[in-house]
C-alpha atoms as a PDB file:
ATOM      1  CA  MET A   1     146.489 -51.329  91.913  1.00  0.00           C
ATOM      2  CA  SER A   2     145.299 -52.223  88.450  1.00  0.00           C
ATOM      3  CA  ALA A   3     147.406 -52.071  85.276  1.00  0.00           C
ATOM      4  CA  THR A   4     145.395 -49.007  84.158  1.00  0.00           C
ATOM      5  CA  ALA A   5     145.232 -46.372  86.845  1.00  0.00           C
ATOM      6  CA  PHE A   6     142.124 -44.264  86.880  1.00  0.00           C
ATOM      7  CA  HIS A   7     142.327 -40.764  88.250  1.00  0.00           C
ATOM      8  CA  ASN A   8     138.838 -39.385  87.550  1.00  0.00           C
ATOM      9  CA  VAL A   9     135.852 -41.652  87.742  1.00  0.00           C
ATOM     10  CA  LEU A  10     132.411 -40.450  86.481  1.00  0.00           C
ATOM     11  CA  ALA A  11     129.431 -42.412  87.871  1.00  0.00           C
ATOM     12  CA  VAL A  12     126.189 -41.751  85.992  1.00  0.00           C
ATOM     13  CA  LEU A  13     123.211 -42.411  88.290  1.00  0.00           C
ATOM     14  CA  ASP A  14     120.228 -43.203  86.067  1.00  0.00           C
ATOM     15  CA  GLY A  15     117.441 -45.683  86.158  1.00  0.00           C
ATOM     16  CA  GLU A  16     115.820 -47.505  89.105  1.00  0.00           C
ATOM     17  CA  PRO A  17     117.029 -46.921  92.653  1.00  0.00           C
ATOM     18  CA  ASP A  18     118.482 -50.427  92.994  1.00  0.00           C
ATOM     19  CA  GLU A  19     120.478 -49.938  89.780  1.00  0.00           C
ATOM     20  CA  GLN A  20     121.716 -46.512  90.947  1.00  0.00           C
ATOM     21  CA  GLN A  21     122.795 -48.086  94.286  1.00  0.00           C
ATOM     22  CA  ALA A  22     124.772 -50.821  92.451  1.00  0.00           C
ATOM     23  CA  VAL A  23     126.489 -48.201  90.241  1.00  0.00           C
ATOM     24  CA  LEU A  24     127.270 -46.027  93.304  1.00  0.00           C
ATOM     25  CA  GLU A  25     128.726 -48.939  95.291  1.00  0.00           C
ATOM     26  CA  ARG A  26     130.980 -50.054  92.398  1.00  0.00           C
ATOM     27  CA  ALA A  27     132.148 -46.491  91.588  1.00  0.00           C
ATOM     28  CA  ILE A  28     133.020 -45.859  95.282  1.00  0.00           C
ATOM     29  CA  GLU A  29     134.948 -49.102  95.431  1.00  0.00           C
ATOM     30  CA  LEU A  30     136.923 -48.200  92.332  1.00  0.00           C
ATOM     31  CA  ALA A  31     137.656 -44.676  93.483  1.00  0.00           C
ATOM     32  CA  GLN A  32     138.949 -46.034  96.792  1.00  0.00           C
ATOM     33  CA  VAL A  33     141.172 -48.639  95.225  1.00  0.00           C
ATOM     34  CA  GLU A  34     142.563 -46.269  92.591  1.00  0.00           C
ATOM     35  CA  HIS A  35     142.732 -43.222  94.871  1.00  0.00           C
ATOM     36  CA  ALA A  36     140.687 -41.434  92.264  1.00  0.00           C
ATOM     37  CA  ARG A  37     138.395 -38.470  92.336  1.00  0.00           C
ATOM     38  CA  LEU A  38     134.729 -39.471  91.979  1.00  0.00           C
ATOM     39  CA  THR A  39     132.124 -37.353  90.201  1.00  0.00           C
ATOM     40  CA  LEU A  40     128.501 -38.389  90.694  1.00  0.00           C
ATOM     41  CA  ALA A  41     126.295 -37.272  87.800  1.00  0.00           C
ATOM     42  CA  LYS A  42     122.512 -37.586  87.840  1.00  0.00           C
ATOM     43  CA  THR A  43     119.954 -37.277  85.100  1.00  0.00           C
ATOM     44  CA  ARG A  44     117.047 -34.907  85.780  1.00  0.00           C
ATOM     45  CA  GLU A  45     114.232 -37.284  85.228  1.00  0.00           C
ATOM     46  CA  SER A  46     114.102 -40.939  86.227  1.00  0.00           C
ATOM     47  CA  ALA A  47     113.422 -43.717  83.729  1.00  0.00           C
ATOM     48  CA  TRP A  48     110.130 -44.622  85.420  1.00  0.00           C
ATOM     49  CA  LEU A  49     108.780 -41.132  84.910  1.00  0.00           C
ATOM     50  CA  ALA A  50     109.493 -41.241  81.151  1.00  0.00           C
ATOM     51  CA  GLN A  51     107.991 -44.719  80.867  1.00  0.00           C
ATOM     52  CA  CYS A  52     104.929 -43.684  82.814  1.00  0.00           C
ATOM     53  CA  ALA A  53     104.301 -40.677  80.544  1.00  0.00           C
ATOM     54  CA  CYS A  54     104.520 -42.966  77.475  1.00  0.00           C
ATOM     55  CA  VAL A  55     102.379 -45.766  78.804  1.00  0.00           C
ATOM     56  CA  PHE A  56      99.785 -43.511  80.506  1.00  0.00           C
ATOM     57  CA  PRO A  57      99.598 -40.342  78.328  1.00  0.00           C
ATOM     58  CA  LEU A  58      97.063 -38.820  80.685  1.00  0.00           C
ATOM     59  CA  ALA A  59      99.347 -39.225  83.666  1.00  0.00           C
ATOM     60  CA  VAL A  60     100.241 -36.078  85.539  1.00  0.00           C
ATOM     61  CA  VAL A  61     103.911 -35.348  84.926  1.00  0.00           C
ATOM     62  CA  PRO A  62     105.569 -33.037  87.516  1.00  0.00           C
ATOM     63  CA  PRO A  63     107.067 -29.798  86.267  1.00  0.00           C
ATOM     64  CA  ALA A  64     110.735 -29.812  85.268  1.00  0.00           C
ATOM     65  CA  GLY A  65     111.654 -27.882  88.408  1.00  0.00           C
ATOM     66  CA  ASP A  66     110.302 -30.733  90.580  1.00  0.00           C
ATOM     67  CA  CYS A  67     112.414 -33.277  88.647  1.00  0.00           C
ATOM     68  CA  GLU A  68     115.498 -31.104  89.046  1.00  0.00           C
ATOM     69  CA  GLU A  69     114.860 -30.664  92.800  1.00  0.00           C
ATOM     70  CA  HIS A  70     114.356 -34.496  93.155  1.00  0.00           C
ATOM     71  CA  ALA A  71     117.541 -35.152  91.273  1.00  0.00           C
ATOM     72  CA  LEU A  72     119.549 -32.712  93.340  1.00  0.00           C
ATOM     73  CA  ASP A  73     118.151 -34.283  96.491  1.00  0.00           C
ATOM     74  CA  ALA A  74     119.116 -37.769  95.276  1.00  0.00           C
ATOM     75  CA  LEU A  75     122.645 -36.540  94.404  1.00  0.00           C
ATOM     76  CA  ALA A  76     123.090 -35.090  97.878  1.00  0.00           C
ATOM     77  CA  ARG A  77     121.997 -38.365  99.529  1.00  0.00           C
ATOM     78  CA  CYS A  78     124.351 -40.408  97.283  1.00  0.00           C
ATOM     79  CA  ALA A  79     127.270 -38.088  98.043  1.00  0.00           C
ATOM     80  CA  GLU A  80     126.676 -38.628 101.774  1.00  0.00           C
ATOM     81  CA  LEU A  81     127.337 -42.338 101.264  1.00  0.00           C
ATOM     82  CA  VAL A  82     130.831 -41.707  99.862  1.00  0.00           C
ATOM     83  CA  PRO A  83     133.560 -42.236 102.452  1.00  0.00           C
ATOM     84  CA  GLN A  84     135.554 -39.168 103.488  1.00  0.00           C
ATOM     85  CA  SER A  85     138.689 -40.763 102.051  1.00  0.00           C
ATOM     86  CA  VAL A  86     137.264 -40.308  98.520  1.00  0.00           C
ATOM     87  CA  SER A  87     137.136 -36.848  96.895  1.00  0.00           C
ATOM     88  CA  VAL A  88     133.642 -36.449  95.524  1.00  0.00           C
ATOM     89  CA  THR A  89     131.796 -33.878  93.401  1.00  0.00           C
ATOM     90  CA  THR A  90     128.260 -33.880  92.139  1.00  0.00           C
ATOM     91  CA  LEU A  91     126.892 -32.846  88.778  1.00  0.00           C
ATOM     92  CA  LEU A  92     123.350 -32.506  87.538  1.00  0.00           C
ATOM     93  CA  LEU A  93     123.168 -33.347  83.862  1.00  0.00           C
ATOM     94  CA  GLY A  94     121.161 -31.031  81.537  1.00  0.00           C
ATOM     95  CA  ALA A  95     117.863 -31.886  79.948  1.00  0.00           C
ATOM     96  CA  ASP A  96     119.703 -33.347  76.905  1.00  0.00           C
ATOM     97  CA  VAL A  97     121.777 -35.936  78.764  1.00  0.00           C
ATOM     98  CA  HIS A  98     123.676 -37.006  75.642  1.00  0.00           C
ATOM     99  CA  ALA A  99     124.753 -33.407  74.864  1.00  0.00           C
ATOM    100  CA  ALA A 100     125.804 -32.837  78.496  1.00  0.00           C
ATOM    101  CA  LEU A 101     127.848 -35.992  78.615  1.00  0.00           C
ATOM    102  CA  ALA A 102     129.374 -35.398  75.192  1.00  0.00           C
ATOM    103  CA  ALA A 103     130.528 -31.935  76.397  1.00  0.00           C
ATOM    104  CA  LEU A 104     132.084 -33.528  79.537  1.00  0.00           C
ATOM    105  CA  LEU A 105     133.790 -36.179  77.496  1.00  0.00           C
ATOM    106  CA  ARG A 106     135.267 -33.615  75.050  1.00  0.00           C
ATOM    107  CA  GLU A 107     136.896 -31.849  78.019  1.00  0.00           C
ATOM    108  CA  GLY A 108     138.824 -35.066  78.707  1.00  0.00           C
ATOM    109  CA  ALA A 109     138.426 -34.767  82.496  1.00  0.00           C
ATOM    110  CA  PHE A 110     137.408 -38.403  83.034  1.00  0.00           C
ATOM    111  CA  ASP A 111     139.132 -41.654  82.260  1.00  0.00           C
ATOM    112  CA  LEU A 112     136.424 -44.078  83.460  1.00  0.00           C
ATOM    113  CA  LEU A 113     132.626 -43.937  83.163  1.00  0.00           C
ATOM    114  CA  VAL A 114     130.573 -46.239  85.440  1.00  0.00           C
ATOM    115  CA  SER A 115     126.872 -46.647  84.674  1.00  0.00           C
ATOM    116  CA  GLY A 116     124.038 -49.083  84.328  1.00  0.00           C
ATOM    117  CA  GLU A 117     123.955 -51.298  81.325  1.00  0.00           C
ATOM    118  CA  ALA A 118     120.751 -49.780  79.898  1.00  0.00           C
ATOM    119  CA  PHE A 119     122.291 -46.287  79.979  1.00  0.00           C
ATOM    120  CA  LEU A 120     125.458 -47.363  78.154  1.00  0.00           C
ATOM    121  CA  HIS A 121     123.487 -49.087  75.339  1.00  0.00           C
ATOM    122  CA  ARG A 122     122.399 -45.759  73.898  1.00  0.00           C
ATOM    123  CA  SER A 123     124.087 -45.599  70.491  1.00  0.00           C
ATOM    124  CA  ARG A 124     124.861 -41.784  70.604  1.00  0.00           C
ATOM    125  CA  LEU A 125     126.589 -42.162  73.885  1.00  0.00           C
ATOM    126  CA  ARG A 126     128.594 -45.242  72.810  1.00  0.00           C
ATOM    127  CA  ARG A 127     129.911 -43.282  69.828  1.00  0.00           C
ATOM    128  CA  ALA A 128     130.926 -40.324  72.010  1.00  0.00           C
ATOM    129  CA  LEU A 129     132.646 -42.630  74.455  1.00  0.00           C
ATOM    130  CA  HIS A 130     134.522 -44.423  71.680  1.00  0.00           C
ATOM    131  CA  ARG A 131     135.712 -41.143  70.160  1.00  0.00           C
ATOM    132  CA  ALA A 132     136.904 -39.892  73.530  1.00  0.00           C
ATOM    133  CA  GLY A 133     138.705 -43.121  74.314  1.00  0.00           C
ATOM    134  CA  ILE A 134     137.188 -43.407  77.793  1.00  0.00           C
ATOM    135  CA  CYS A 135     136.971 -46.751  79.490  1.00  0.00           C
ATOM    136  CA  THR A 136     133.477 -47.809  80.561  1.00  0.00           C
ATOM    137  CA  LEU A 137     132.147 -50.178  83.198  1.00  0.00           C
ATOM    138  CA  ALA A 138     128.567 -51.364  82.723  1.00  0.00           C
ATOM    139  CA  ILE A 139     126.883 -52.445  85.939  1.00  0.00           C
ATOM    140  CA  ALA A 140     124.291 -55.161  85.439  1.00  0.00           C
ATOM    141  CA  ARG A 141     120.891 -54.523  86.919  1.00  0.00           C
ATOM    142  CA  PRO A 142     120.653 -56.262  90.279  1.00  0.00           C
ATOM    143  CA  PRO A 143     118.304 -59.229  90.462  1.00  0.00           C
ATOM    144  CA  ALA A 144     114.772 -58.329  91.354  1.00  0.00           C
ATOM    145  CA  SER A 145     114.146 -58.278  95.016  1.00  0.00           C
ATOM    146  CA  ARG A 146     112.110 -61.150  96.257  1.00  0.00           C
ATOM    147  CA  SER A 147     108.482 -60.541  97.019  1.00  0.00           C
ATOM    148  CA  PRO A 148     107.342 -61.006 100.656  1.00  0.00           C
ATOM    149  CA  ARG A 149     105.469 -64.158  99.563  1.00  0.00           C
ATOM    150  CA  ALA A 150     108.628 -65.609  98.050  1.00  0.00           C
ATOM    151  CA  SER A 151     110.521 -65.280 101.347  1.00  0.00           C
ATOM    152  CA  ALA A 152     107.756 -67.157 103.212  1.00  0.00           C
ATOM    153  CA  ALA A 153     107.698 -70.910 103.581  1.00  0.00           C
ATOM    154  CA  PRO A 154     107.297 -72.733 100.256  1.00  0.00           C
ATOM    155  CA  LEU A 155     103.738 -73.411  99.192  1.00  0.00           C
ATOM    156  CA  GLN A 156     102.493 -76.787 100.278  1.00  0.00           C
ATOM    157  CA  ARG A 157     100.075 -78.867  98.298  1.00  0.00           C
ATOM    158  CA  ARG A 158      96.676 -78.748  99.699  1.00  0.00           C
ATOM    159  CA  PRO A 159      95.600 -82.201 101.170  1.00  0.00           C
ATOM    160  CA  ALA A 160      92.959 -83.933  99.202  1.00  0.00           C
ATOM    161  CA  PRO A 161      89.487 -83.718 100.689  1.00  0.00           C
ATOM    162  CA  GLN A 162      88.511 -86.808 102.592  1.00  0.00           C
ATOM    163  CA  THR A 163      85.254 -88.454 101.681  1.00  0.00           C
END
């Protein structure tokens, strides 16, 4: 057991699926080792959706209800991956993620927040975490998966044409 025991771990699932998977795996591992309660929190809209709307302003953005339904489905799938030995709850964060997290942090129910690096770099959130005195663990984005071509045999130099 570590020098600082954690009793309530909050894992914020935000960003790309591979990043969410890395956060989930580490949060489960910590909850098991510390015999802690794990809360999985999910943002309503994914990062790619917000980026798409900014880059392609004419893109069709699904209604908020669809984003919420997608987020709830993702939370349920993630909760199924948690071993039965870990007590888990799920939480869908409100439209204003910072306000929702700030309210949770003020309650003092969590002593560790696990999230992706990009999520923790938001200044408003860092200030709220600092004021609440909550430990944080930033999970680095996993390396990009290799393309099918990269896993094939290395490229060979084409032989010079014979004359």
